[in-house]
N, C-alpha and C. Protein backbone atom coordinates (compact mmCIF):
# COMPACT_ATOMS: atom_id res chain seq x y z
N UNK A 1 174.77 52.59 35.98
CA UNK A 1 175.52 51.62 35.25
C UNK A 1 175.09 50.21 35.59
N UNK A 2 174.25 50.08 36.62
CA UNK A 2 173.68 48.78 36.92
C UNK A 2 172.19 48.96 37.11
N UNK A 3 171.46 47.91 36.87
CA UNK A 3 170.04 47.95 37.12
C UNK A 3 169.60 46.57 37.60
N UNK A 4 168.46 46.55 38.28
CA UNK A 4 167.95 45.31 38.84
C UNK A 4 166.94 44.70 37.86
N UNK A 5 167.24 43.57 37.29
CA UNK A 5 166.27 42.92 36.43
C UNK A 5 165.20 42.22 37.27
N UNK A 6 164.29 41.56 36.63
CA UNK A 6 163.16 40.95 37.31
C UNK A 6 163.60 39.87 38.30
N UNK A 7 164.64 39.11 38.00
CA UNK A 7 165.06 38.02 38.88
C UNK A 7 165.85 38.49 40.10
N UNK A 8 166.08 39.79 40.26
CA UNK A 8 166.75 40.32 41.43
C UNK A 8 168.26 40.40 41.34
N UNK A 9 168.84 39.88 40.30
CA UNK A 9 170.29 39.92 40.12
C UNK A 9 170.66 41.19 39.37
N UNK A 10 171.56 42.03 39.91
CA UNK A 10 171.95 43.24 39.17
C UNK A 10 172.80 42.88 37.96
N UNK A 11 172.65 43.64 36.91
CA UNK A 11 173.50 43.49 35.74
C UNK A 11 174.29 44.78 35.58
N UNK A 12 175.46 44.68 34.98
CA UNK A 12 176.35 45.84 34.87
C UNK A 12 176.67 46.09 33.41
N UNK A 13 176.75 47.36 33.09
CA UNK A 13 177.17 47.76 31.75
C UNK A 13 178.69 47.86 31.77
N UNK A 14 179.35 46.73 31.48
CA UNK A 14 180.80 46.68 31.58
C UNK A 14 181.48 47.62 30.58
N UNK A 15 180.87 47.84 29.44
CA UNK A 15 181.43 48.78 28.48
C UNK A 15 181.49 50.19 29.04
N UNK A 16 180.41 50.61 29.72
CA UNK A 16 180.38 51.93 30.34
C UNK A 16 181.39 52.03 31.47
N UNK A 17 181.54 50.95 32.23
CA UNK A 17 182.52 50.94 33.32
C UNK A 17 183.93 51.09 32.75
N UNK A 18 184.21 50.37 31.67
CA UNK A 18 185.54 50.45 31.06
C UNK A 18 185.83 51.84 30.49
N UNK A 19 184.80 52.59 30.15
CA UNK A 19 185.01 53.94 29.60
C UNK A 19 185.17 55.00 30.68
N UNK A 20 184.95 54.66 31.93
CA UNK A 20 185.13 55.64 33.01
C UNK A 20 186.59 56.10 33.05
N UNK A 21 186.83 57.40 33.22
CA UNK A 21 188.22 57.88 33.29
C UNK A 21 188.99 57.25 34.45
N UNK A 22 188.33 57.00 35.57
CA UNK A 22 189.00 56.39 36.72
C UNK A 22 189.43 54.96 36.39
N UNK A 23 188.55 54.22 35.69
CA UNK A 23 188.88 52.84 35.31
C UNK A 23 190.06 52.82 34.34
N UNK A 24 190.05 53.75 33.39
CA UNK A 24 191.15 53.83 32.43
C UNK A 24 192.46 54.16 33.15
N UNK A 25 192.40 55.10 34.09
CA UNK A 25 193.60 55.47 34.85
C UNK A 25 194.10 54.29 35.68
N UNK A 26 193.17 53.56 36.29
CA UNK A 26 193.53 52.40 37.10
C UNK A 26 194.21 51.32 36.27
N UNK A 27 193.60 50.93 35.17
CA UNK A 27 194.18 49.86 34.36
C UNK A 27 195.48 50.29 33.69
N UNK A 28 195.54 51.54 33.23
CA UNK A 28 196.77 52.03 32.61
C UNK A 28 197.91 52.08 33.62
N UNK A 29 197.62 52.57 34.82
CA UNK A 29 198.66 52.67 35.85
C UNK A 29 199.18 51.31 36.27
N UNK A 30 198.27 50.36 36.48
CA UNK A 30 198.71 49.01 36.86
C UNK A 30 199.51 48.36 35.75
N UNK A 31 199.03 48.50 34.54
CA UNK A 31 199.73 47.88 33.40
C UNK A 31 201.12 48.50 33.23
N UNK A 32 201.20 49.82 33.31
CA UNK A 32 202.48 50.50 33.16
C UNK A 32 203.47 50.05 34.25
N UNK A 33 203.00 49.98 35.48
CA UNK A 33 203.87 49.54 36.58
C UNK A 33 204.34 48.11 36.34
N UNK A 34 203.41 47.21 36.04
CA UNK A 34 203.75 45.80 35.87
C UNK A 34 204.71 45.58 34.71
N UNK A 35 204.44 46.22 33.57
CA UNK A 35 205.32 46.03 32.41
C UNK A 35 206.70 46.63 32.64
N UNK A 36 206.75 47.83 33.19
CA UNK A 36 208.03 48.50 33.40
C UNK A 36 208.90 47.73 34.39
N UNK A 37 208.37 47.49 35.58
CA UNK A 37 209.18 46.84 36.61
C UNK A 37 209.36 45.35 36.34
N UNK A 38 208.39 44.73 35.67
CA UNK A 38 208.58 43.34 35.26
C UNK A 38 209.71 43.21 34.27
N UNK A 39 209.77 44.12 33.30
CA UNK A 39 210.85 44.09 32.30
C UNK A 39 212.21 44.35 32.94
N UNK A 40 212.25 45.29 33.88
CA UNK A 40 213.51 45.58 34.57
C UNK A 40 213.97 44.37 35.37
N UNK A 41 213.06 43.77 36.14
CA UNK A 41 213.42 42.61 36.95
C UNK A 41 213.83 41.41 36.11
N UNK A 42 213.07 41.11 35.07
CA UNK A 42 213.40 39.98 34.21
C UNK A 42 214.69 40.26 33.44
N UNK A 43 214.85 41.48 32.97
CA UNK A 43 216.07 41.84 32.24
C UNK A 43 217.32 41.71 33.09
N UNK A 44 217.26 42.23 34.32
CA UNK A 44 218.42 42.11 35.21
C UNK A 44 218.66 40.66 35.62
N UNK A 45 217.59 39.90 35.82
CA UNK A 45 217.76 38.48 36.14
C UNK A 45 218.39 37.72 34.99
N UNK A 46 217.96 38.01 33.76
CA UNK A 46 218.56 37.35 32.59
C UNK A 46 220.02 37.77 32.43
N UNK A 47 220.31 39.04 32.65
CA UNK A 47 221.70 39.51 32.57
C UNK A 47 222.57 38.80 33.60
N UNK A 48 222.06 38.62 34.80
CA UNK A 48 222.79 37.92 35.85
C UNK A 48 223.10 36.48 35.44
N UNK A 49 222.11 35.79 34.87
CA UNK A 49 222.32 34.40 34.43
C UNK A 49 223.34 34.35 33.29
N UNK A 50 223.22 35.24 32.34
CA UNK A 50 224.16 35.26 31.20
C UNK A 50 225.57 35.56 31.69
N UNK A 51 225.71 36.56 32.55
CA UNK A 51 227.04 36.88 33.08
C UNK A 51 227.60 35.73 33.92
N UNK A 52 226.72 35.07 34.66
CA UNK A 52 227.18 33.95 35.47
C UNK A 52 227.67 32.78 34.64
N UNK A 53 227.09 32.59 33.46
CA UNK A 53 227.51 31.47 32.62
C UNK A 53 228.61 31.86 31.64
N UNK A 54 228.69 33.11 31.25
CA UNK A 54 229.64 33.51 30.21
C UNK A 54 230.85 34.28 30.74
N UNK A 55 230.71 34.93 31.86
CA UNK A 55 231.80 35.78 32.36
C UNK A 55 232.20 35.34 33.77
N UNK A 56 232.76 34.14 33.85
CA UNK A 56 233.15 33.60 35.15
C UNK A 56 234.14 34.53 35.87
N UNK A 57 235.08 35.06 35.14
CA UNK A 57 236.08 35.93 35.75
C UNK A 57 235.47 37.18 36.36
N UNK A 58 234.55 37.79 35.63
CA UNK A 58 233.90 39.01 36.13
C UNK A 58 233.05 38.71 37.36
N UNK A 59 232.23 37.67 37.30
CA UNK A 59 231.36 37.36 38.43
C UNK A 59 232.13 36.84 39.63
N UNK A 60 233.33 36.31 39.40
CA UNK A 60 234.16 35.81 40.49
C UNK A 60 235.06 36.87 41.09
N UNK A 61 235.00 38.10 40.57
CA UNK A 61 235.84 39.19 41.09
C UNK A 61 235.53 39.40 42.57
N UNK A 62 236.58 39.38 43.37
CA UNK A 62 236.42 39.55 44.82
C UNK A 62 236.23 41.03 45.15
N UNK A 63 235.20 41.32 45.91
CA UNK A 63 234.94 42.69 46.35
C UNK A 63 235.53 42.93 47.73
N UNK A 64 235.32 41.97 48.63
CA UNK A 64 235.86 42.07 49.99
C UNK A 64 235.92 40.66 50.57
N UNK A 65 237.09 40.17 50.86
CA UNK A 65 237.23 38.82 51.41
C UNK A 65 236.75 37.80 50.39
N UNK A 66 235.79 36.97 50.78
CA UNK A 66 235.24 35.98 49.86
C UNK A 66 233.93 36.47 49.22
N UNK A 67 233.62 37.73 49.38
CA UNK A 67 232.41 38.34 48.84
C UNK A 67 232.66 38.72 47.38
N UNK A 68 232.04 37.98 46.45
CA UNK A 68 232.30 38.20 45.03
C UNK A 68 231.23 39.07 44.39
N UNK A 69 231.52 39.51 43.18
CA UNK A 69 230.57 40.31 42.40
C UNK A 69 229.32 39.49 42.08
N UNK A 70 229.50 38.21 41.82
CA UNK A 70 228.35 37.33 41.54
C UNK A 70 227.43 37.22 42.74
N UNK A 71 228.00 37.07 43.92
CA UNK A 71 227.19 37.01 45.14
C UNK A 71 226.46 38.33 45.37
N UNK A 72 227.17 39.43 45.18
CA UNK A 72 226.55 40.75 45.34
C UNK A 72 225.40 40.94 44.35
N UNK A 73 225.58 40.46 43.12
CA UNK A 73 224.52 40.55 42.12
C UNK A 73 223.30 39.74 42.50
N UNK A 74 223.52 38.54 43.05
CA UNK A 74 222.40 37.70 43.49
C UNK A 74 221.64 38.34 44.63
N UNK A 75 222.36 38.86 45.60
CA UNK A 75 221.72 39.56 46.72
C UNK A 75 220.97 40.79 46.19
N UNK A 76 221.58 41.49 45.24
CA UNK A 76 220.93 42.66 44.65
C UNK A 76 219.62 42.31 43.96
N UNK A 77 219.58 41.17 43.28
CA UNK A 77 218.33 40.74 42.63
C UNK A 77 217.24 40.42 43.65
N UNK A 78 217.63 39.80 44.75
CA UNK A 78 216.65 39.52 45.80
C UNK A 78 216.13 40.82 46.40
N UNK A 79 217.02 41.75 46.66
CA UNK A 79 216.60 43.05 47.19
C UNK A 79 215.73 43.81 46.20
N UNK A 80 216.06 43.71 44.91
CA UNK A 80 215.24 44.36 43.88
C UNK A 80 213.83 43.77 43.87
N UNK A 81 213.72 42.46 44.00
CA UNK A 81 212.41 41.82 44.03
C UNK A 81 211.59 42.32 45.21
N UNK A 82 212.20 42.41 46.38
CA UNK A 82 211.50 42.95 47.54
C UNK A 82 211.12 44.41 47.34
N UNK A 83 212.00 45.19 46.76
CA UNK A 83 211.71 46.61 46.52
C UNK A 83 210.54 46.78 45.56
N UNK A 84 210.49 45.97 44.52
CA UNK A 84 209.37 46.04 43.58
C UNK A 84 208.07 45.66 44.27
N UNK A 85 208.12 44.62 45.09
CA UNK A 85 206.92 44.18 45.81
C UNK A 85 206.42 45.26 46.76
N UNK A 86 207.33 45.86 47.51
CA UNK A 86 206.95 46.93 48.45
C UNK A 86 206.41 48.14 47.69
N UNK A 87 207.06 48.51 46.59
CA UNK A 87 206.58 49.64 45.79
C UNK A 87 205.19 49.37 45.23
N UNK A 88 204.95 48.14 44.80
CA UNK A 88 203.62 47.80 44.25
C UNK A 88 202.55 47.89 45.34
N UNK A 89 202.81 47.35 46.51
CA UNK A 89 201.79 47.39 47.56
C UNK A 89 201.54 48.82 48.04
N UNK A 90 202.59 49.63 48.12
CA UNK A 90 202.39 51.03 48.51
C UNK A 90 201.58 51.78 47.46
N UNK A 91 201.90 51.57 46.19
CA UNK A 91 201.17 52.23 45.12
C UNK A 91 199.72 51.75 45.08
N UNK A 92 199.54 50.47 45.33
CA UNK A 92 198.19 49.92 45.36
C UNK A 92 197.36 50.56 46.47
N UNK A 93 197.94 50.69 47.65
CA UNK A 93 197.22 51.28 48.78
C UNK A 93 196.96 52.77 48.59
N UNK A 94 197.94 53.48 48.06
CA UNK A 94 197.85 54.94 48.01
C UNK A 94 197.22 55.50 46.74
N UNK A 95 197.34 54.80 45.63
CA UNK A 95 196.85 55.33 44.36
C UNK A 95 195.68 54.51 43.82
N UNK A 96 195.87 53.19 43.74
CA UNK A 96 194.87 52.37 43.05
C UNK A 96 193.65 52.07 43.91
N UNK A 97 193.81 51.90 45.22
CA UNK A 97 192.66 51.63 46.08
C UNK A 97 191.65 52.79 46.07
N UNK A 98 192.10 54.05 46.16
CA UNK A 98 191.13 55.15 46.05
C UNK A 98 190.42 55.18 44.69
N UNK A 99 191.14 54.84 43.62
CA UNK A 99 190.49 54.78 42.31
C UNK A 99 189.44 53.68 42.28
N UNK A 100 189.76 52.52 42.86
CA UNK A 100 188.80 51.42 42.92
C UNK A 100 187.56 51.84 43.70
N UNK A 101 187.75 52.56 44.81
CA UNK A 101 186.62 53.01 45.62
C UNK A 101 185.75 53.99 44.84
N UNK A 102 186.37 54.89 44.08
CA UNK A 102 185.58 55.83 43.28
C UNK A 102 184.80 55.10 42.18
N UNK A 103 185.41 54.09 41.60
CA UNK A 103 184.71 53.31 40.57
C UNK A 103 183.54 52.57 41.19
N UNK A 104 183.76 51.92 42.36
CA UNK A 104 182.67 51.21 43.04
C UNK A 104 181.54 52.17 43.39
N UNK A 105 181.91 53.38 43.83
CA UNK A 105 180.88 54.36 44.19
C UNK A 105 180.05 54.76 42.97
N UNK A 106 180.70 54.96 41.84
CA UNK A 106 179.97 55.33 40.63
C UNK A 106 179.09 54.20 40.13
N UNK A 107 179.58 52.97 40.23
CA UNK A 107 178.84 51.83 39.69
C UNK A 107 177.80 51.31 40.66
N UNK A 108 178.17 51.17 41.94
CA UNK A 108 177.29 50.55 42.91
C UNK A 108 176.62 51.54 43.86
N UNK A 109 177.10 52.78 43.88
CA UNK A 109 176.48 53.78 44.74
C UNK A 109 177.12 53.91 46.11
N UNK A 110 178.09 53.06 46.45
CA UNK A 110 178.74 53.12 47.74
C UNK A 110 180.18 52.64 47.59
N UNK A 111 181.18 53.36 48.15
CA UNK A 111 182.58 52.98 47.92
C UNK A 111 182.98 51.65 48.55
N UNK A 112 182.24 51.19 49.57
CA UNK A 112 182.59 49.93 50.23
C UNK A 112 181.69 48.78 49.80
N UNK A 113 180.84 49.01 48.81
CA UNK A 113 179.92 47.96 48.37
C UNK A 113 180.69 46.80 47.76
N UNK A 114 180.14 45.62 47.96
CA UNK A 114 180.76 44.41 47.44
C UNK A 114 179.76 43.76 46.49
N UNK A 115 180.25 43.36 45.34
CA UNK A 115 179.40 42.66 44.37
C UNK A 115 179.43 41.19 44.72
N UNK A 116 178.25 40.61 44.90
CA UNK A 116 178.19 39.18 45.17
C UNK A 116 178.46 38.41 43.89
N UNK A 117 179.33 37.45 43.98
CA UNK A 117 179.69 36.67 42.81
C UNK A 117 178.62 35.64 42.53
N UNK A 118 178.26 35.53 41.27
CA UNK A 118 177.26 34.56 40.87
C UNK A 118 177.80 33.72 39.72
N UNK A 119 177.09 32.66 39.41
CA UNK A 119 177.50 31.83 38.29
C UNK A 119 178.81 31.12 38.57
N UNK A 120 179.66 31.07 37.59
CA UNK A 120 180.92 30.34 37.74
C UNK A 120 181.91 31.04 38.67
N UNK A 121 181.66 32.31 39.01
CA UNK A 121 182.55 33.04 39.90
C UNK A 121 182.08 33.00 41.35
N UNK A 122 180.99 32.31 41.64
CA UNK A 122 180.49 32.26 43.00
C UNK A 122 181.41 31.44 43.88
N UNK A 123 181.36 31.72 45.15
CA UNK A 123 182.18 31.00 46.12
C UNK A 123 181.37 29.83 46.67
N UNK A 124 181.46 28.73 45.99
CA UNK A 124 180.77 27.53 46.45
C UNK A 124 181.74 26.71 47.29
N UNK A 125 181.22 26.06 48.33
CA UNK A 125 182.10 25.20 49.12
C UNK A 125 182.59 24.04 48.26
N UNK A 126 183.83 23.70 48.45
CA UNK A 126 184.40 22.58 47.70
C UNK A 126 184.21 21.29 48.49
N UNK A 127 184.06 20.17 47.80
CA UNK A 127 183.91 18.90 48.51
C UNK A 127 185.18 18.58 49.31
N UNK A 128 185.00 17.95 50.44
CA UNK A 128 186.11 17.59 51.30
C UNK A 128 186.38 16.11 51.15
N UNK A 129 187.64 15.75 50.93
CA UNK A 129 188.03 14.36 50.83
C UNK A 129 188.57 13.94 52.18
N UNK A 130 188.01 12.90 52.76
CA UNK A 130 188.48 12.42 54.05
C UNK A 130 189.45 11.28 53.85
N UNK A 131 190.22 10.98 54.87
CA UNK A 131 191.23 9.94 54.76
C UNK A 131 190.62 8.55 54.66
N UNK A 132 189.38 8.37 55.11
CA UNK A 132 188.75 7.06 55.06
C UNK A 132 188.10 6.77 53.71
N UNK A 133 188.10 7.75 52.82
CA UNK A 133 187.49 7.57 51.51
C UNK A 133 188.55 7.62 50.43
N UNK A 134 188.16 7.20 49.28
CA UNK A 134 189.08 7.31 48.13
C UNK A 134 189.05 8.73 47.61
N UNK A 135 190.06 9.14 46.89
CA UNK A 135 190.09 10.53 46.39
C UNK A 135 188.89 10.90 45.53
N UNK A 136 188.21 9.94 44.92
CA UNK A 136 187.07 10.29 44.06
C UNK A 136 185.78 10.45 44.84
N UNK A 137 185.71 9.92 46.07
CA UNK A 137 184.48 10.07 46.84
C UNK A 137 184.60 11.24 47.79
N UNK A 138 183.49 11.92 48.01
CA UNK A 138 183.49 13.11 48.86
C UNK A 138 182.40 12.99 49.90
N UNK A 139 182.51 13.82 50.92
CA UNK A 139 181.47 13.83 51.93
C UNK A 139 180.49 14.95 51.64
N UNK A 140 179.31 14.80 52.17
CA UNK A 140 178.29 15.83 51.97
C UNK A 140 178.42 16.94 52.99
N UNK A 141 179.32 16.80 53.98
CA UNK A 141 179.47 17.80 55.03
C UNK A 141 179.94 19.14 54.49
N UNK A 142 180.69 19.15 53.42
CA UNK A 142 181.24 20.39 52.89
C UNK A 142 180.20 21.21 52.17
N UNK A 143 179.08 20.64 51.86
CA UNK A 143 178.07 21.37 51.10
C UNK A 143 177.09 21.99 51.96
């Protein structure tokens, strides 16, 4: 799926990579997770805001002492955000990382291979602005 042209830079057949079953499974799984849990999180957050502005009596219902339903809902949203984040990282480590490794192995020949970024995606050092210069002038030390 890649070959070395005359200038030494490998080129990749991105269409062939996108047609790999592993790539399709990877992108479908990530998209499904993000859309599903994103919709649940945003939906519950919007419901919380609407209830907080429209149903003062309901959100002010005391559950225990000064602990109200509105406070419990806010804490629940924070916990939900953490739960989604933890679920995403676990799924990424356990399901998507092995798929990525299989794709890298098929494309590059080794599961730990790294593609060097070229062109506009390369990691070029950024100019450093020092305190003795104006924001528009830079030093050559960063290059």
